[in-house]
């Protein structure tokens, strides 16, 4: 009897072990967890979105090209957006160009604008604010390293509504537009021409005929002189004059005789 009981218990234990579910692997448990279900749903959503983008681009190529151009232009503007070191480098370059000129031939507008920016930079009041695809250069009231109460208190800082009054330049696609516009004709001092007549103060571009005539005369100025032809022309003119004088003399004699 004892051996039969032991055999029955052994068979029951084996049956329960076979009936119990075998635990899955770690990867299977991860896929069935909440995190796995959420990641699988997110991947499915992105896959469906990418498929719709490809199908929509194939069905509407013009619209897709416009969107791609806008995205590419935005990325290019963001990538080429100038920063404060770029503004200071451009400012020093312009200051160096003006420094090579005599004060008598500098453009007053260019010189005054650059000198004011250089003064703000030396005082530490020149700031550059990045706005994604462009940058704004503006002037502040104090140097950022100043320890004055007015400079450190946030309640006394410049409000945003007054920022447009302090903007000095706009940086876009790698250029500072206001500074470059001020540096136009920086080596022309307009004060030197204020006493001239009005028609001489303004100059206009020459026409095509004037340019062609000037080039032709310039080319002819480099040609060698033909002395022989001038001498032949001179002799011909002298002979013609003598013939005219003889004819006039004959006419006078005929009139006297008559």
Protein backbone atom coordinates (compact mmCIF):
# COMPACT_ATOMS: atom_id res chain seq x y z
CA UNK A 1 0.00 0.00 0.00
CA UNK A 2 2.79 2.39 0.85
CA UNK A 3 4.45 1.86 -2.49
CA UNK A 4 1.15 2.47 -4.29
CA UNK A 5 0.64 5.75 -2.45
CA UNK A 6 4.13 6.92 -3.36
CA UNK A 7 3.54 6.02 -7.01
CA UNK A 8 0.20 7.86 -7.06
CA UNK A 9 1.71 11.00 -5.55
CA UNK A 10 4.53 10.93 -8.09
CA UNK A 11 2.08 10.63 -11.00
CA UNK A 12 -0.12 13.48 -9.64
CA UNK A 13 2.88 15.77 -9.25
CA UNK A 14 4.02 15.05 -12.80
CA UNK A 15 0.51 15.74 -14.14
CA UNK A 16 0.28 19.08 -12.30
CA UNK A 17 3.71 20.07 -13.59
CA UNK A 18 2.71 19.24 -17.18
CA UNK A 19 -0.56 21.17 -16.84
CA UNK A 20 1.08 24.33 -15.45
CA UNK A 21 1.91 27.01 -18.14
CA UNK A 22 5.52 27.31 -19.00
CA UNK A 23 6.75 30.90 -18.42
CA UNK A 24 7.85 32.64 -21.65
CA UNK A 25 11.19 34.25 -22.37
CA UNK A 26 12.16 37.75 -21.24
CA UNK A 27 11.54 39.20 -24.74
CA UNK A 28 8.01 37.75 -24.81
CA UNK A 29 7.23 39.19 -21.39
CA UNK A 30 8.58 42.61 -22.51
CA UNK A 31 6.42 42.64 -25.63
CA UNK A 32 3.30 41.86 -23.62
CA UNK A 33 4.02 44.51 -20.99
CA UNK A 34 2.47 48.00 -21.03
CA UNK A 35 5.69 49.59 -22.20
CA UNK A 36 6.01 47.10 -25.03
CA UNK A 37 2.43 47.66 -26.17
CA UNK A 38 2.92 51.46 -26.08
CA UNK A 39 6.17 51.28 -28.08
CA UNK A 40 4.60 48.93 -30.61
CA UNK A 41 1.65 51.30 -31.06
CA UNK A 42 3.98 54.30 -31.43
CA UNK A 43 6.05 52.50 -34.05
CA UNK A 44 2.88 51.56 -35.93
CA UNK A 45 1.70 55.19 -35.91
CA UNK A 46 5.00 56.50 -37.25
CA UNK A 47 5.08 53.77 -39.89
CA UNK A 48 1.59 54.70 -41.06
CA UNK A 49 2.48 58.42 -41.09
CA UNK A 50 5.58 57.81 -43.20
CA UNK A 51 3.57 55.69 -45.60
CA UNK A 52 0.97 58.46 -45.97
CA UNK A 53 3.72 61.01 -46.62
CA UNK A 54 5.21 58.88 -49.38
CA UNK A 55 1.82 58.20 -50.96
CA UNK A 56 0.78 61.87 -50.73
CA UNK A 57 4.06 63.02 -52.28
CA UNK A 58 3.57 60.62 -55.17
CA UNK A 59 -0.02 61.78 -55.74
CA UNK A 60 0.68 65.55 -55.33
CA UNK A 61 4.27 66.26 -56.40
CA UNK A 62 3.86 70.06 -56.67
CA UNK A 63 2.54 70.39 -53.12
CA UNK A 64 5.27 68.08 -51.85
CA UNK A 65 7.93 70.14 -53.66
CA UNK A 66 6.64 73.35 -52.08
CA UNK A 67 6.70 71.82 -48.60
CA UNK A 68 10.18 70.40 -49.17
CA UNK A 69 11.43 73.80 -50.40
CA UNK A 70 9.99 75.53 -47.33
CA UNK A 71 11.54 73.02 -44.98
CA UNK A 72 14.89 73.21 -46.78
CA UNK A 73 14.84 77.01 -46.77
CA UNK A 74 14.00 77.08 -43.06
CA UNK A 75 16.84 74.70 -42.30
CA UNK A 76 19.26 76.77 -44.42
CA UNK A 77 18.22 79.98 -42.63
CA UNK A 78 18.68 78.30 -39.26
CA UNK A 79 22.07 76.88 -40.25
CA UNK A 80 23.38 80.21 -41.65
CA UNK A 81 22.00 82.38 -38.85
CA UNK A 82 24.82 84.67 -37.64
CA UNK A 83 25.67 85.00 -33.95
CA UNK A 84 27.37 87.61 -31.77
CA UNK A 85 30.99 86.62 -32.64
CA UNK A 86 30.07 86.88 -36.32
CA UNK A 87 28.59 90.35 -35.77
CA UNK A 88 31.65 91.54 -33.90
CA UNK A 89 33.95 90.13 -36.61
CA UNK A 90 31.96 91.92 -39.33
CA UNK A 91 31.99 95.14 -37.30
CA UNK A 92 35.77 95.03 -36.83
CA UNK A 93 36.22 94.30 -40.52
CA UNK A 94 34.17 97.36 -41.46
CA UNK A 95 36.04 99.47 -38.93
CA UNK A 96 39.34 98.33 -40.45
CA UNK A 97 38.17 99.25 -43.94
CA UNK A 98 37.25 102.74 -42.79
CA UNK A 99 40.53 103.06 -40.89
CA UNK A 100 42.50 102.61 -44.12
CA UNK A 101 40.85 105.71 -45.59
CA UNK A 102 41.60 109.33 -44.94
CA UNK A 103 38.97 111.14 -42.82
CA UNK A 104 38.41 113.50 -45.78
CA UNK A 105 37.06 110.77 -48.06
CA UNK A 106 35.10 108.62 -45.59
CA UNK A 107 31.36 108.48 -45.92
CA UNK A 108 29.86 110.28 -42.95
CA UNK A 109 26.93 107.87 -42.59
CA UNK A 110 29.13 104.78 -42.67
CA UNK A 111 31.72 106.22 -40.30
CA UNK A 112 29.13 107.44 -37.77
CA UNK A 113 27.23 104.13 -37.72
CA UNK A 114 30.34 102.00 -37.32
CA UNK A 115 31.82 104.25 -34.63
CA UNK A 116 28.59 104.08 -32.59
CA UNK A 117 28.57 100.26 -32.79
CA UNK A 118 32.23 100.06 -31.83
CA UNK A 119 31.55 102.28 -28.81
CA UNK A 120 28.70 100.01 -27.68
CA UNK A 121 30.92 96.97 -28.11
CA UNK A 122 33.71 98.51 -26.03
CA UNK A 123 31.20 99.34 -23.30
CA UNK A 124 29.82 95.79 -23.31
CA UNK A 125 26.33 96.96 -24.23
CA UNK A 126 26.09 95.21 -27.58
CA UNK A 127 23.92 92.09 -27.47
CA UNK A 128 22.64 89.61 -30.05
CA UNK A 129 19.32 87.80 -29.63
CA UNK A 130 18.74 84.57 -31.57
CA UNK A 131 15.23 84.00 -32.92
CA UNK A 132 15.69 80.71 -34.73
CA UNK A 133 16.02 81.64 -38.38
CA UNK A 134 17.31 85.17 -37.75
CA UNK A 135 19.17 87.19 -35.12
CA UNK A 136 18.70 90.70 -33.76
CA UNK A 137 21.51 92.95 -32.55
CA UNK A 138 20.37 95.44 -29.94
CA UNK A 139 21.84 97.73 -27.32
CA UNK A 140 21.53 97.19 -23.59
CA UNK A 141 21.83 99.67 -20.75
CA UNK A 142 24.64 97.94 -18.83
CA UNK A 143 27.45 95.48 -19.26
CA UNK A 144 26.45 91.91 -18.22
CA UNK A 145 29.39 91.82 -15.77
CA UNK A 146 28.34 95.04 -14.05
CA UNK A 147 27.51 94.59 -10.35
CA UNK A 148 25.19 97.58 -10.06
CA UNK A 149 21.75 96.97 -8.65
CA UNK A 150 20.10 98.42 -11.75
CA UNK A 151 22.07 96.00 -13.93
CA UNK A 152 21.28 92.87 -11.88
CA UNK A 153 17.65 93.48 -10.90
CA UNK A 154 15.31 91.64 -13.28
CA UNK A 155 12.44 94.02 -12.54
CA UNK A 156 14.44 96.91 -13.98
CA UNK A 157 15.48 95.14 -17.18
CA UNK A 158 14.35 96.30 -20.60
CA UNK A 159 10.76 95.18 -21.30
CA UNK A 160 10.03 93.26 -24.47
CA UNK A 161 7.72 95.97 -25.80
CA UNK A 162 10.69 98.36 -26.03
CA UNK A 163 12.99 95.94 -27.81
CA UNK A 164 12.12 97.22 -31.29
CA UNK A 165 13.39 100.68 -30.29
CA UNK A 166 16.80 99.24 -29.39
CA UNK A 167 17.32 97.00 -32.44
CA UNK A 168 20.49 97.95 -34.33
CA UNK A 169 20.76 95.27 -36.99
CA UNK A 170 19.11 92.15 -38.38
CA UNK A 171 21.13 89.02 -39.14
CA UNK A 172 19.70 86.75 -41.79
CA UNK A 173 21.27 84.10 -44.12
CA UNK A 174 24.76 84.90 -42.90
CA UNK A 175 24.59 88.68 -43.40
CA UNK A 176 24.00 91.72 -41.24
CA UNK A 177 21.77 93.75 -43.52
CA UNK A 178 21.73 97.16 -41.83
CA UNK A 179 25.51 97.26 -41.42
CA UNK A 180 26.11 96.31 -45.05
CA UNK A 181 23.61 98.91 -46.27
CA UNK A 182 25.37 101.59 -44.19
CA UNK A 183 28.73 100.55 -45.67
CA UNK A 184 27.58 101.17 -49.24
CA UNK A 185 29.92 103.70 -50.90
CA UNK A 186 31.86 104.01 -47.64
CA UNK A 187 34.79 105.58 -49.54
CA UNK A 188 32.70 108.42 -51.02
CA UNK A 189 32.34 111.57 -48.94
CA UNK A 190 29.20 113.29 -50.19
CA UNK A 191 30.04 116.47 -48.26
CA UNK A 192 32.76 117.20 -50.81
CA UNK A 193 30.19 117.54 -53.59
CA UNK A 194 27.55 119.63 -51.83
CA UNK A 195 28.88 122.89 -53.35
CA UNK A 196 28.67 121.57 -56.93
CA UNK A 197 25.68 122.28 -59.18
CA UNK A 198 22.75 119.91 -58.90
CA UNK A 199 23.36 118.39 -62.34
CA UNK A 200 26.96 117.57 -61.39
CA UNK A 201 26.18 116.05 -58.00
CA UNK A 202 24.30 113.12 -59.47
CA UNK A 203 25.85 110.78 -61.98
CA UNK A 204 24.11 108.33 -64.29
CA UNK A 205 25.32 105.19 -65.97
CA UNK A 206 26.51 105.69 -69.58
CA UNK A 207 24.43 104.34 -72.44
CA UNK A 208 25.49 101.50 -74.69
CA UNK A 209 26.42 103.87 -77.54
CA UNK A 210 28.58 106.00 -75.25
CA UNK A 211 30.38 102.92 -73.97
CA UNK A 212 31.03 101.66 -77.51
CA UNK A 213 32.29 105.08 -78.62
CA UNK A 214 34.59 105.33 -75.62
CA UNK A 215 36.01 101.87 -76.27
CA UNK A 216 36.54 102.64 -79.97
CA UNK A 217 38.36 105.88 -79.21
CA UNK A 218 40.47 104.11 -76.61
CA UNK A 219 41.49 101.44 -79.13
CA UNK A 220 42.24 104.08 -81.78
CA UNK A 221 44.47 105.97 -79.34
CA UNK A 222 46.83 103.00 -79.26
CA UNK A 223 47.20 102.83 -83.07
CA UNK A 224 50.45 104.18 -84.62
CA UNK A 225 50.37 107.57 -86.36
CA UNK A 226 50.36 107.62 -90.20
CA UNK A 227 52.57 110.59 -91.11
CA UNK A 228 52.66 109.87 -94.87
CA UNK A 229 48.91 110.05 -95.24
CA UNK A 230 48.84 113.38 -93.41
CA UNK A 231 51.52 114.79 -95.73
CA UNK A 232 49.62 113.63 -98.83
CA UNK A 233 46.46 115.22 -97.52
CA UNK A 234 48.34 118.47 -96.85
CA UNK A 235 49.78 118.56 -100.38
CA UNK A 236 46.36 117.86 -101.88
CA UNK A 237 44.83 120.68 -99.88
CA UNK A 238 47.58 123.11 -101.02
CA UNK A 239 47.07 122.16 -104.67
CA UNK A 240 43.32 122.62 -104.40
CA UNK A 241 43.80 126.05 -102.84
CA UNK A 242 46.15 127.14 -105.63
CA UNK A 243 43.65 126.02 -108.27
CA UNK A 244 40.86 127.89 -106.54
CA UNK A 245 43.00 131.04 -106.33
CA UNK A 246 43.91 130.83 -110.02
CA UNK A 247 40.26 130.42 -110.98
CA UNK A 248 39.27 133.40 -108.87
CA UNK A 249 42.03 135.47 -110.44
CA UNK A 250 40.87 134.53 -113.95
CA UNK A 251 37.30 135.49 -113.11
CA UNK A 252 38.42 138.88 -111.79
CA UNK A 253 40.41 139.59 -114.97
CA UNK A 254 37.42 138.69 -117.16
CA UNK A 255 35.23 141.03 -115.15
CA UNK A 256 37.77 143.88 -115.52
CA UNK A 257 38.03 143.40 -119.28
CA UNK A 258 34.26 143.35 -119.62
